[in-house]
Structure formats: C-alpha cells, structure tokens
Amino acid sequence: MTVISWIVLGLLAGAIAKFLLPGRDPGGLVGTTLIGIAGAFIGGWISARWLDHPVSKDFYDGTTWAAAIGGSLVLLVGYRLLFGNSRD
C-alpha cells in the first residue's frame, strides 16, 4: 500500500473507533483523524512485530483493518485518559 492508502485507512479506522467509542474528544475531527492514522501505523507494527502476522499490502485485507482499528481504539482511549477533561 502507498502512504496515501495508509492515510485513508487511518482516517476510516479513526472514524470507526470514534463510532465504537462515542463521546467528546478533546481534538475533534482533526484529532480523531490523526489518532486513526497513527493507530493504523501502530496497529500494523504491533501485528507484524509481536503477533507474528505481517500486515498485507492489500487494502481490503481484514487483518490490516483489524490492526488499524485496534490501534486507533488504543490510542483514542489513551488520548481521552490524558486529555479528556481539558474541554470541561
């Protein structure tokens, strides 16, 4: 996959993570998008490194999507724990 496809995958993974964890995010749409992109990269790295399942170069691979969404969920929860009360 190209860098553009990773960004699109991260954008969609961030949106799915936001759908699965509704609520107020400190960063809004831009923050959620960046978390999704970073989560896609981190989830893919964790999948390849420790789960012994290298990420496929196919955009429509289910494991790639699961790794991206899982990484986005982890980052979104961490981001909410660190900065969740900053907008109150």
C-alpha atoms as a PDB file:
ATOM      1  CA  MET A   1       0.000   0.000   0.000  1.00  0.00           C
ATOM      2  CA  THR A   2       1.075   3.541  -0.582  1.00  0.00           C
ATOM      3  CA  VAL A   3       1.268   6.247   2.033  1.00  0.00           C
ATOM      4  CA  ILE A   4      -1.988   7.738   0.708  1.00  0.00           C
ATOM      5  CA  SER A   5      -3.818   4.454   1.196  1.00  0.00           C
ATOM      6  CA  TRP A   6      -2.461   4.203   4.769  1.00  0.00           C
ATOM      7  CA  ILE A   7      -3.789   7.707   5.430  1.00  0.00           C
ATOM      8  CA  VAL A   8      -7.207   6.792   4.011  1.00  0.00           C
ATOM      9  CA  LEU A   9      -7.182   3.561   6.020  1.00  0.00           C
ATOM     10  CA  GLY A  10      -6.249   5.531   9.149  1.00  0.00           C
ATOM     11  CA  LEU A  11      -8.990   8.075   8.500  1.00  0.00           C
ATOM     12  CA  LEU A  12     -11.593   5.329   8.201  1.00  0.00           C
ATOM     13  CA  ALA A  13     -10.165   3.403  11.173  1.00  0.00           C
ATOM     14  CA  GLY A  14     -10.332   6.579  13.276  1.00  0.00           C
ATOM     15  CA  ALA A  15     -13.958   7.111  12.253  1.00  0.00           C
ATOM     16  CA  ILE A  16     -14.817   3.513  13.158  1.00  0.00           C
ATOM     17  CA  ALA A  17     -13.005   3.854  16.501  1.00  0.00           C
ATOM     18  CA  LYS A  18     -14.935   7.062  17.171  1.00  0.00           C
ATOM     19  CA  PHE A  19     -18.169   5.223  16.317  1.00  0.00           C
ATOM     20  CA  LEU A  20     -17.282   2.388  18.707  1.00  0.00           C
ATOM     21  CA  LEU A  21     -16.269   4.820  21.486  1.00  0.00           C
ATOM     22  CA  PRO A  22     -18.735   7.709  21.235  1.00  0.00           C
ATOM     23  CA  GLY A  23     -18.290  10.793  23.332  1.00  0.00           C
ATOM     24  CA  ARG A  24     -16.482  14.071  23.410  1.00  0.00           C
ATOM     25  CA  ASP A  25     -12.952  14.034  22.124  1.00  0.00           C
ATOM     26  CA  PRO A  26     -10.567  16.813  23.034  1.00  0.00           C
ATOM     27  CA  GLY A  27      -9.224  17.062  19.475  1.00  0.00           C
ATOM     28  CA  GLY A  28     -12.450  16.928  17.486  1.00  0.00           C
ATOM     29  CA  LEU A  29     -12.443  15.636  13.927  1.00  0.00           C
ATOM     30  CA  VAL A  30      -8.821  16.554  13.216  1.00  0.00           C
ATOM     31  CA  GLY A  31      -7.570  14.903  16.397  1.00  0.00           C
ATOM     32  CA  THR A  32      -9.608  11.763  15.749  1.00  0.00           C
ATOM     33  CA  THR A  33      -8.264  11.611  12.194  1.00  0.00           C
ATOM     34  CA  LEU A  34      -4.665  11.915  13.366  1.00  0.00           C
ATOM     35  CA  ILE A  35      -5.268   9.292  16.039  1.00  0.00           C
ATOM     36  CA  GLY A  36      -6.702   6.987  13.374  1.00  0.00           C
ATOM     37  CA  ILE A  37      -3.698   7.425  11.104  1.00  0.00           C
ATOM     38  CA  ALA A  38      -1.247   6.868  13.959  1.00  0.00           C
ATOM     39  CA  GLY A  39      -3.323   3.911  15.156  1.00  0.00           C
ATOM     40  CA  ALA A  40      -3.158   2.323  11.712  1.00  0.00           C
ATOM     41  CA  PHE A  41       0.621   2.515  11.711  1.00  0.00           C
ATOM     42  CA  ILE A  42       0.995   1.356  15.320  1.00  0.00           C
ATOM     43  CA  GLY A  43      -1.558  -1.445  14.952  1.00  0.00           C
ATOM     44  CA  GLY A  44       0.196  -2.703  11.833  1.00  0.00           C
ATOM     45  CA  TRP A  45       3.568  -2.575  13.544  1.00  0.00           C
ATOM     46  CA  ILE A  46       2.289  -4.464  16.606  1.00  0.00           C
ATOM     47  CA  SER A  47       0.630  -7.050  14.371  1.00  0.00           C
ATOM     48  CA  ALA A  48       3.831  -7.654  12.432  1.00  0.00           C
ATOM     49  CA  ARG A  49       6.190  -7.481  15.393  1.00  0.00           C
ATOM     50  CA  TRP A  50       4.525  -9.363  18.232  1.00  0.00           C
ATOM     51  CA  LEU A  51       1.546 -11.201  16.780  1.00  0.00           C
ATOM     52  CA  ASP A  52       3.641 -12.767  14.006  1.00  0.00           C
ATOM     53  CA  HIS A  53       1.107 -11.731  11.386  1.00  0.00           C
ATOM     54  CA  PRO A  54       2.646  -9.336   8.883  1.00  0.00           C
ATOM     55  CA  VAL A  55       0.248  -6.779   7.501  1.00  0.00           C
ATOM     56  CA  SER A  56      -0.824  -7.491   3.960  1.00  0.00           C
ATOM     57  CA  LYS A  57      -0.171  -4.979   1.226  1.00  0.00           C
ATOM     58  CA  ASP A  58      -3.799  -5.365   0.152  1.00  0.00           C
ATOM     59  CA  PHE A  59      -6.093  -2.512   1.179  1.00  0.00           C
ATOM     60  CA  TYR A  60      -9.058  -4.853   1.660  1.00  0.00           C
ATOM     61  CA  ASP A  61      -7.357  -7.353   3.985  1.00  0.00           C
ATOM     62  CA  GLY A  62      -9.384  -7.934   7.149  1.00  0.00           C
ATOM     63  CA  THR A  63      -6.335  -8.326   9.362  1.00  0.00           C
ATOM     64  CA  THR A  64      -4.989  -4.977   8.208  1.00  0.00           C
ATOM     65  CA  TRP A  65      -8.285  -3.322   9.073  1.00  0.00           C
ATOM     66  CA  ALA A  66      -8.489  -5.070  12.461  1.00  0.00           C
ATOM     67  CA  ALA A  67      -4.957  -3.947  13.324  1.00  0.00           C
ATOM     68  CA  ALA A  68      -5.697  -0.367  12.256  1.00  0.00           C
ATOM     69  CA  ILE A  69      -8.972  -0.174  14.179  1.00  0.00           C
ATOM     70  CA  GLY A  70      -7.425  -1.833  17.252  1.00  0.00           C
ATOM     71  CA  GLY A  71      -4.506   0.584  17.223  1.00  0.00           C
ATOM     72  CA  SER A  72      -6.904   3.512  16.819  1.00  0.00           C
ATOM     73  CA  LEU A  73      -9.034   2.336  19.735  1.00  0.00           C
ATOM     74  CA  VAL A  74      -5.998   2.021  21.987  1.00  0.00           C
ATOM     75  CA  LEU A  75      -4.742   5.487  21.062  1.00  0.00           C
ATOM     76  CA  LEU A  76      -8.208   7.033  21.395  1.00  0.00           C
ATOM     77  CA  VAL A  77      -8.653   5.609  24.896  1.00  0.00           C
ATOM     78  CA  GLY A  78      -5.171   6.787  25.887  1.00  0.00           C
ATOM     79  CA  TYR A  79      -5.813  10.226  24.434  1.00  0.00           C
ATOM     80  CA  ARG A  80      -9.081  10.525  26.338  1.00  0.00           C
ATOM     81  CA  LEU A  81      -7.370   9.463  29.563  1.00  0.00           C
ATOM     82  CA  LEU A  82      -4.646  12.051  29.145  1.00  0.00           C
ATOM     83  CA  PHE A  83      -6.596  14.995  27.730  1.00  0.00           C
ATOM     84  CA  GLY A  84     -10.266  14.105  28.251  1.00  0.00           C
ATOM     85  CA  ASN A  85     -11.061  16.764  30.844  1.00  0.00           C
ATOM     86  CA  SER A  86      -9.308  19.654  29.116  1.00  0.00           C
ATOM     87  CA  ARG A  87     -12.543  20.892  27.460  1.00  0.00           C
ATOM     88  CA  ASP A  88     -14.682  20.944  30.614  1.00  0.00           C
END
